[in-house]
N, C-alpha and C. Protein backbone atom coordinates (compact mmCIF):
# COMPACT_ATOMS: atom_id res chain seq x y z
N MET A 1 -22.64 20.17 -11.21
CA MET A 1 -22.39 20.05 -9.79
C MET A 1 -20.92 19.78 -9.49
N SER A 2 -20.07 19.61 -10.48
CA SER A 2 -18.66 19.30 -10.27
C SER A 2 -17.91 20.54 -9.82
N THR A 3 -17.84 20.72 -8.51
CA THR A 3 -17.17 21.88 -7.95
C THR A 3 -16.18 21.41 -6.90
N PRO A 4 -15.23 22.29 -6.55
CA PRO A 4 -14.30 21.92 -5.47
C PRO A 4 -15.04 21.58 -4.17
N ASN A 5 -16.15 22.26 -3.90
CA ASN A 5 -16.91 21.96 -2.69
C ASN A 5 -17.48 20.55 -2.72
N GLU A 6 -17.98 20.12 -3.88
CA GLU A 6 -18.51 18.76 -3.99
C GLU A 6 -17.40 17.73 -3.84
N THR A 7 -16.23 18.01 -4.41
CA THR A 7 -15.09 17.09 -4.26
C THR A 7 -14.71 16.97 -2.79
N LEU A 8 -14.70 18.08 -2.07
CA LEU A 8 -14.41 18.05 -0.63
C LEU A 8 -15.49 17.29 0.13
N ALA A 9 -16.74 17.46 -0.27
CA ALA A 9 -17.84 16.75 0.38
C ALA A 9 -17.69 15.24 0.18
N ILE A 10 -17.27 14.84 -1.00
CA ILE A 10 -17.06 13.42 -1.28
C ILE A 10 -15.90 12.87 -0.45
N ARG A 11 -14.82 13.63 -0.34
CA ARG A 11 -13.70 13.20 0.50
C ARG A 11 -14.15 13.03 1.95
N ALA A 12 -14.93 13.98 2.46
CA ALA A 12 -15.43 13.90 3.83
C ALA A 12 -16.35 12.69 4.00
N PHE A 13 -17.18 12.43 2.98
CA PHE A 13 -18.07 11.28 3.02
C PHE A 13 -17.27 9.98 3.11
N LEU A 14 -16.23 9.84 2.29
CA LEU A 14 -15.43 8.61 2.31
C LEU A 14 -14.65 8.47 3.60
N LEU A 15 -14.24 9.57 4.20
CA LEU A 15 -13.59 9.52 5.51
C LEU A 15 -14.58 9.00 6.55
N ALA A 16 -15.81 9.48 6.51
CA ALA A 16 -16.84 9.00 7.44
C ALA A 16 -17.16 7.52 7.20
N PHE A 17 -17.14 7.10 5.93
CA PHE A 17 -17.37 5.70 5.61
C PHE A 17 -16.25 4.84 6.19
N ALA A 18 -15.00 5.29 6.06
CA ALA A 18 -13.87 4.56 6.63
C ALA A 18 -14.02 4.46 8.15
N GLU A 19 -14.45 5.53 8.79
CA GLU A 19 -14.65 5.51 10.24
C GLU A 19 -15.73 4.50 10.62
N ALA A 20 -16.80 4.42 9.83
CA ALA A 20 -17.85 3.43 10.09
C ALA A 20 -17.29 2.02 9.95
N LEU A 21 -16.51 1.77 8.90
CA LEU A 21 -15.89 0.46 8.72
C LEU A 21 -14.96 0.13 9.89
N ASN A 22 -14.16 1.10 10.29
CA ASN A 22 -13.21 0.88 11.38
C ASN A 22 -13.92 0.62 12.71
N SER A 23 -15.11 1.18 12.88
CA SER A 23 -15.86 0.97 14.12
C SER A 23 -16.52 -0.40 14.16
N GLY A 24 -16.73 -1.00 12.97
CA GLY A 24 -17.40 -2.29 12.90
C GLY A 24 -18.90 -2.21 13.14
N ASP A 25 -19.46 -1.03 13.07
CA ASP A 25 -20.89 -0.81 13.31
C ASP A 25 -21.64 -1.04 12.00
N ILE A 26 -22.21 -2.22 11.85
CA ILE A 26 -22.84 -2.60 10.58
C ILE A 26 -23.99 -1.67 10.18
N PRO A 27 -24.89 -1.29 11.09
CA PRO A 27 -25.94 -0.34 10.68
C PRO A 27 -25.35 1.00 10.18
N SER A 28 -24.27 1.45 10.79
CA SER A 28 -23.63 2.69 10.34
C SER A 28 -23.01 2.50 8.96
N ILE A 29 -22.37 1.35 8.75
CA ILE A 29 -21.77 1.05 7.44
C ILE A 29 -22.87 1.06 6.38
N ALA A 30 -23.95 0.34 6.64
CA ALA A 30 -25.06 0.23 5.68
C ALA A 30 -25.71 1.59 5.41
N SER A 31 -25.71 2.47 6.39
CA SER A 31 -26.35 3.78 6.22
C SER A 31 -25.62 4.66 5.20
N HIS A 32 -24.41 4.29 4.83
CA HIS A 32 -23.65 5.05 3.83
C HIS A 32 -24.05 4.67 2.39
N TYR A 33 -24.94 3.69 2.26
CA TYR A 33 -25.39 3.22 0.96
C TYR A 33 -26.77 3.79 0.64
N THR A 34 -27.04 3.97 -0.66
CA THR A 34 -28.39 4.32 -1.08
C THR A 34 -29.30 3.13 -0.77
N HIS A 35 -30.61 3.35 -0.80
CA HIS A 35 -31.54 2.25 -0.52
C HIS A 35 -31.35 1.08 -1.47
N ASP A 36 -30.85 1.34 -2.68
CA ASP A 36 -30.61 0.29 -3.68
C ASP A 36 -29.12 0.09 -3.95
N GLY A 37 -28.28 0.53 -3.02
CA GLY A 37 -26.83 0.39 -3.18
C GLY A 37 -26.37 -1.05 -3.08
N ILE A 38 -25.27 -1.35 -3.75
CA ILE A 38 -24.73 -2.71 -3.75
C ILE A 38 -23.23 -2.66 -3.53
N PHE A 39 -22.76 -3.58 -2.69
CA PHE A 39 -21.34 -3.76 -2.38
C PHE A 39 -20.87 -5.03 -3.08
N PHE A 40 -19.76 -4.93 -3.82
CA PHE A 40 -19.18 -6.06 -4.55
C PHE A 40 -17.80 -6.36 -3.97
N PRO A 41 -17.71 -7.12 -2.87
CA PRO A 41 -16.41 -7.42 -2.28
C PRO A 41 -15.63 -8.44 -3.11
N ASP A 42 -14.32 -8.33 -3.05
CA ASP A 42 -13.44 -9.25 -3.77
C ASP A 42 -13.64 -10.67 -3.24
N ARG A 43 -13.93 -11.60 -4.14
CA ARG A 43 -14.05 -13.03 -3.85
C ARG A 43 -15.27 -13.42 -3.03
N TYR A 44 -16.23 -12.52 -2.87
CA TYR A 44 -17.45 -12.83 -2.13
C TYR A 44 -18.65 -12.41 -2.96
N SER A 45 -19.82 -12.88 -2.55
CA SER A 45 -21.06 -12.50 -3.24
C SER A 45 -21.37 -11.04 -2.97
N SER A 46 -21.99 -10.41 -3.95
CA SER A 46 -22.42 -9.02 -3.76
C SER A 46 -23.52 -8.97 -2.72
N MET A 47 -23.68 -7.80 -2.11
CA MET A 47 -24.72 -7.66 -1.11
C MET A 47 -25.33 -6.27 -1.16
N ASN A 48 -26.63 -6.24 -0.92
CA ASN A 48 -27.34 -4.97 -0.85
C ASN A 48 -27.41 -4.51 0.61
N ARG A 49 -28.02 -3.37 0.82
CA ARG A 49 -28.10 -2.78 2.16
C ARG A 49 -28.85 -3.68 3.14
N LYS A 50 -29.92 -4.31 2.67
CA LYS A 50 -30.71 -5.21 3.52
C LYS A 50 -29.86 -6.38 3.99
N LYS A 51 -29.10 -6.97 3.07
CA LYS A 51 -28.25 -8.11 3.44
C LYS A 51 -27.16 -7.66 4.41
N MET A 52 -26.58 -6.46 4.19
CA MET A 52 -25.57 -5.95 5.12
C MET A 52 -26.13 -5.87 6.53
N ASN A 53 -27.33 -5.31 6.65
CA ASN A 53 -27.94 -5.14 7.97
C ASN A 53 -28.28 -6.46 8.64
N SER A 54 -28.38 -7.55 7.87
CA SER A 54 -28.71 -8.85 8.45
C SER A 54 -27.47 -9.64 8.87
N LEU A 55 -26.29 -9.12 8.57
CA LEU A 55 -25.06 -9.84 8.92
C LEU A 55 -24.88 -9.90 10.43
N PRO A 56 -24.39 -11.03 10.94
CA PRO A 56 -24.23 -11.15 12.39
C PRO A 56 -23.03 -10.35 12.94
N GLY A 57 -22.10 -9.96 12.10
CA GLY A 57 -20.99 -9.13 12.55
C GLY A 57 -19.82 -9.90 13.15
N HIS A 58 -19.71 -11.19 12.87
CA HIS A 58 -18.62 -11.98 13.43
C HIS A 58 -17.25 -11.44 13.03
N PHE A 59 -17.12 -11.00 11.79
CA PHE A 59 -15.82 -10.49 11.33
C PHE A 59 -15.35 -9.36 12.22
N PHE A 60 -16.22 -8.39 12.49
CA PHE A 60 -15.83 -7.23 13.28
C PHE A 60 -15.67 -7.57 14.76
N LYS A 61 -16.36 -8.60 15.24
CA LYS A 61 -16.21 -9.02 16.64
C LYS A 61 -14.90 -9.77 16.86
N ASN A 62 -14.42 -10.46 15.82
CA ASN A 62 -13.23 -11.29 15.94
C ASN A 62 -11.95 -10.64 15.43
N ASN A 63 -12.07 -9.44 14.88
CA ASN A 63 -10.92 -8.78 14.28
C ASN A 63 -10.91 -7.28 14.59
N THR A 64 -9.71 -6.74 14.62
CA THR A 64 -9.56 -5.29 14.60
C THR A 64 -9.30 -4.94 13.15
N PHE A 65 -10.11 -4.05 12.61
CA PHE A 65 -10.08 -3.72 11.19
C PHE A 65 -9.80 -2.24 11.04
N ARG A 66 -8.79 -1.89 10.24
CA ARG A 66 -8.46 -0.49 10.00
C ARG A 66 -8.28 -0.28 8.49
N ILE A 67 -9.02 0.68 7.97
CA ILE A 67 -8.93 1.00 6.54
C ILE A 67 -8.71 2.50 6.38
N GLN A 68 -7.91 2.83 5.40
CA GLN A 68 -7.70 4.24 5.04
C GLN A 68 -7.73 4.33 3.52
N PHE A 69 -8.63 5.17 3.01
CA PHE A 69 -8.74 5.36 1.56
C PHE A 69 -7.80 6.47 1.11
N HIS A 70 -7.18 6.26 -0.05
CA HIS A 70 -6.31 7.25 -0.68
C HIS A 70 -6.93 7.54 -2.05
N ILE A 71 -7.64 8.65 -2.14
CA ILE A 71 -8.37 8.97 -3.36
C ILE A 71 -7.40 9.35 -4.48
N LYS A 72 -7.57 8.70 -5.62
CA LYS A 72 -6.71 8.94 -6.79
C LYS A 72 -7.39 9.83 -7.82
N GLY A 73 -8.71 9.84 -7.84
CA GLY A 73 -9.43 10.66 -8.82
C GLY A 73 -10.91 10.66 -8.55
N THR A 74 -11.53 11.78 -8.90
CA THR A 74 -12.98 11.95 -8.73
C THR A 74 -13.54 12.61 -9.98
N ALA A 75 -14.62 12.04 -10.50
CA ALA A 75 -15.33 12.63 -11.64
C ALA A 75 -16.80 12.74 -11.24
N ILE A 76 -17.33 13.94 -11.35
CA ILE A 76 -18.72 14.18 -10.97
C ILE A 76 -19.52 14.52 -12.23
N HIS A 77 -20.62 13.79 -12.41
CA HIS A 77 -21.50 14.01 -13.55
C HIS A 77 -22.93 14.03 -13.04
N GLY A 78 -23.50 15.23 -12.90
CA GLY A 78 -24.86 15.35 -12.38
C GLY A 78 -24.94 14.84 -10.96
N ASP A 79 -25.88 13.94 -10.73
CA ASP A 79 -26.07 13.38 -9.39
C ASP A 79 -25.21 12.15 -9.11
N PHE A 80 -24.26 11.86 -10.00
CA PHE A 80 -23.38 10.71 -9.80
C PHE A 80 -21.93 11.16 -9.74
N ALA A 81 -21.17 10.45 -8.92
CA ALA A 81 -19.73 10.69 -8.83
C ALA A 81 -19.02 9.34 -8.91
N PHE A 82 -17.87 9.34 -9.54
CA PHE A 82 -17.07 8.14 -9.70
C PHE A 82 -15.74 8.42 -9.02
N VAL A 83 -15.39 7.59 -8.06
CA VAL A 83 -14.20 7.82 -7.25
C VAL A 83 -13.29 6.60 -7.34
N GLU A 84 -12.08 6.83 -7.79
CA GLU A 84 -11.05 5.79 -7.82
C GLU A 84 -10.17 6.00 -6.61
N SER A 85 -9.90 4.92 -5.89
CA SER A 85 -9.02 5.04 -4.74
C SER A 85 -8.23 3.76 -4.55
N ARG A 86 -7.25 3.88 -3.72
CA ARG A 86 -6.54 2.73 -3.18
C ARG A 86 -6.77 2.79 -1.68
N ALA A 87 -6.79 1.64 -1.07
CA ALA A 87 -6.97 1.61 0.38
C ALA A 87 -5.89 0.75 1.00
N THR A 88 -5.48 1.15 2.17
CA THR A 88 -4.61 0.32 3.00
C THR A 88 -5.49 -0.26 4.09
N VAL A 89 -5.49 -1.57 4.19
CA VAL A 89 -6.35 -2.27 5.14
C VAL A 89 -5.48 -3.15 6.02
N ILE A 90 -5.61 -3.00 7.33
CA ILE A 90 -4.88 -3.84 8.27
C ILE A 90 -5.91 -4.57 9.12
N THR A 91 -5.85 -5.90 9.09
CA THR A 91 -6.77 -6.73 9.85
C THR A 91 -5.96 -7.53 10.86
N THR A 92 -6.32 -7.41 12.12
CA THR A 92 -5.66 -8.16 13.19
C THR A 92 -6.70 -9.04 13.85
N ASN A 93 -6.48 -10.35 13.77
CA ASN A 93 -7.40 -11.31 14.36
C ASN A 93 -7.15 -11.36 15.87
N HIS A 94 -8.21 -11.42 16.65
CA HIS A 94 -8.07 -11.43 18.10
C HIS A 94 -7.51 -12.73 18.65
N ASP A 95 -7.33 -13.75 17.80
CA ASP A 95 -6.76 -15.01 18.28
C ASP A 95 -5.23 -14.99 18.31
N GLY A 96 -4.63 -13.84 17.99
CA GLY A 96 -3.18 -13.72 18.07
C GLY A 96 -2.45 -14.00 16.77
N ALA A 97 -3.16 -14.30 15.71
CA ALA A 97 -2.52 -14.53 14.41
C ALA A 97 -1.86 -13.23 13.94
N PRO A 98 -0.84 -13.36 13.09
CA PRO A 98 -0.19 -12.14 12.58
C PRO A 98 -1.17 -11.24 11.84
N ALA A 99 -0.93 -9.94 11.91
CA ALA A 99 -1.78 -8.97 11.21
C ALA A 99 -1.63 -9.16 9.70
N LEU A 100 -2.70 -8.94 9.00
CA LEU A 100 -2.72 -9.04 7.55
C LEU A 100 -2.91 -7.63 6.98
N THR A 101 -2.00 -7.23 6.09
CA THR A 101 -2.10 -5.93 5.45
C THR A 101 -2.44 -6.15 3.98
N LYS A 102 -3.44 -5.41 3.51
CA LYS A 102 -3.84 -5.49 2.11
C LYS A 102 -3.85 -4.09 1.52
N ILE A 103 -3.48 -4.02 0.27
CA ILE A 103 -3.65 -2.81 -0.53
C ILE A 103 -4.73 -3.16 -1.54
N THR A 104 -5.79 -2.37 -1.57
CA THR A 104 -6.89 -2.64 -2.48
C THR A 104 -7.04 -1.52 -3.49
N ARG A 105 -7.59 -1.86 -4.63
CA ARG A 105 -8.01 -0.86 -5.63
C ARG A 105 -9.52 -0.81 -5.53
N ASP A 106 -10.03 0.41 -5.38
CA ASP A 106 -11.45 0.60 -5.10
C ASP A 106 -12.08 1.51 -6.15
N LEU A 107 -13.32 1.22 -6.48
CA LEU A 107 -14.10 2.09 -7.35
C LEU A 107 -15.47 2.30 -6.71
N PHE A 108 -15.77 3.55 -6.42
CA PHE A 108 -17.06 3.93 -5.87
C PHE A 108 -17.88 4.63 -6.94
N THR A 109 -19.13 4.27 -7.04
CA THR A 109 -20.11 5.09 -7.76
C THR A 109 -21.02 5.64 -6.68
N LEU A 110 -21.00 6.96 -6.53
CA LEU A 110 -21.82 7.62 -5.53
C LEU A 110 -23.00 8.29 -6.21
N ARG A 111 -24.09 8.42 -5.46
CA ARG A 111 -25.26 9.14 -5.96
C ARG A 111 -25.63 10.21 -4.95
N TYR A 112 -25.90 11.40 -5.47
CA TYR A 112 -26.34 12.49 -4.61
C TYR A 112 -27.84 12.35 -4.43
N THR A 113 -28.26 12.07 -3.21
CA THR A 113 -29.67 11.83 -2.93
C THR A 113 -30.03 12.39 -1.56
N ASP A 114 -31.17 13.01 -1.47
CA ASP A 114 -31.65 13.58 -0.21
C ASP A 114 -30.62 14.51 0.45
N GLY A 115 -29.90 15.26 -0.39
CA GLY A 115 -28.99 16.27 0.12
C GLY A 115 -27.61 15.79 0.53
N SER A 116 -27.27 14.54 0.22
CA SER A 116 -25.93 14.06 0.56
C SER A 116 -25.49 12.95 -0.40
N TRP A 117 -24.21 12.69 -0.40
CA TRP A 117 -23.65 11.62 -1.21
C TRP A 117 -23.82 10.30 -0.48
N LYS A 118 -24.15 9.26 -1.24
CA LYS A 118 -24.28 7.90 -0.73
C LYS A 118 -23.66 6.94 -1.74
N ILE A 119 -23.30 5.77 -1.28
CA ILE A 119 -22.71 4.75 -2.16
C ILE A 119 -23.83 4.05 -2.93
N TYR A 120 -23.73 4.12 -4.24
CA TYR A 120 -24.65 3.41 -5.12
C TYR A 120 -24.05 2.06 -5.50
N ARG A 121 -22.77 2.04 -5.83
CA ARG A 121 -22.03 0.81 -6.11
C ARG A 121 -20.61 0.96 -5.56
N TYR A 122 -20.10 -0.11 -4.96
CA TYR A 122 -18.73 -0.10 -4.46
C TYR A 122 -18.11 -1.45 -4.76
N VAL A 123 -17.02 -1.43 -5.50
CA VAL A 123 -16.30 -2.65 -5.85
C VAL A 123 -14.83 -2.45 -5.53
N PHE A 124 -14.20 -3.50 -5.03
CA PHE A 124 -12.76 -3.43 -4.79
C PHE A 124 -12.14 -4.79 -5.07
N HIS A 125 -10.85 -4.78 -5.27
CA HIS A 125 -10.12 -6.05 -5.34
C HIS A 125 -8.77 -5.86 -4.68
N ASN A 126 -8.26 -6.96 -4.17
CA ASN A 126 -6.98 -6.93 -3.49
C ASN A 126 -5.85 -6.86 -4.50
N ALA A 127 -5.05 -5.81 -4.39
CA ALA A 127 -3.92 -5.63 -5.30
C ALA A 127 -2.63 -6.20 -4.71
N HIS A 128 -2.56 -6.21 -3.38
CA HIS A 128 -1.35 -6.70 -2.70
C HIS A 128 -1.74 -7.13 -1.29
N GLU A 129 -1.11 -8.20 -0.82
CA GLU A 129 -1.41 -8.72 0.51
C GLU A 129 -0.11 -9.16 1.16
N SER A 130 0.04 -8.87 2.45
CA SER A 130 1.22 -9.32 3.18
C SER A 130 0.86 -9.58 4.64
N VAL A 131 1.59 -10.50 5.24
CA VAL A 131 1.39 -10.84 6.64
C VAL A 131 2.53 -10.22 7.43
N GLN A 132 2.19 -9.57 8.54
CA GLN A 132 3.21 -8.99 9.41
C GLN A 132 3.59 -10.04 10.44
N ILE A 133 4.82 -10.53 10.33
CA ILE A 133 5.29 -11.56 11.25
C ILE A 133 6.17 -10.90 12.30
N SER A 134 5.86 -11.18 13.54
CA SER A 134 6.62 -10.60 14.64
C SER A 134 8.01 -11.22 14.66
N ALA A 135 8.99 -10.41 14.99
CA ALA A 135 10.36 -10.90 15.13
C ALA A 135 10.42 -11.78 16.38
N SER A 136 11.09 -12.91 16.27
CA SER A 136 11.20 -13.78 17.44
C SER A 136 12.39 -13.35 18.29
N PRO A 137 12.35 -13.64 19.58
CA PRO A 137 13.45 -13.27 20.46
C PRO A 137 14.77 -13.87 19.98
N ALA A 138 15.86 -13.19 20.25
CA ALA A 138 17.19 -13.66 19.82
C ALA A 138 17.47 -15.04 20.37
N GLY A 139 18.08 -15.88 19.53
CA GLY A 139 18.49 -17.21 19.95
C GLY A 139 17.41 -18.27 19.83
N ILE A 140 16.23 -17.90 19.39
CA ILE A 140 15.17 -18.90 19.29
C ILE A 140 14.97 -19.28 17.85
């Protein structure tokens, strides 16, 4: 199944996943996972699709979240695909705190199921983090 068309389909899938994350729509985010998919966030407990759907969504209500994946490599073996990427993530808290920019290293294990790619396992860790501090007016 490792064809240029499948690689393009995976890129389109990850773009749609980023759009779901950026929208903060938890049911949409969870729908990108297989029924037994698991998310392993950096410094937090892993969570399955059921746990994702039970989240109250405070993070997305209190922050503007923007992520963009930069795919570094894709390997497809049968109904599984392994995708290495880096992501640029900008989080702006609605309380006026400076924006936080993170560069993450991401590894997706995707499974082809029911005619489309879905996330079977997703793990990332923060590779770099910086705070964007606004310049203060002259003389202050």
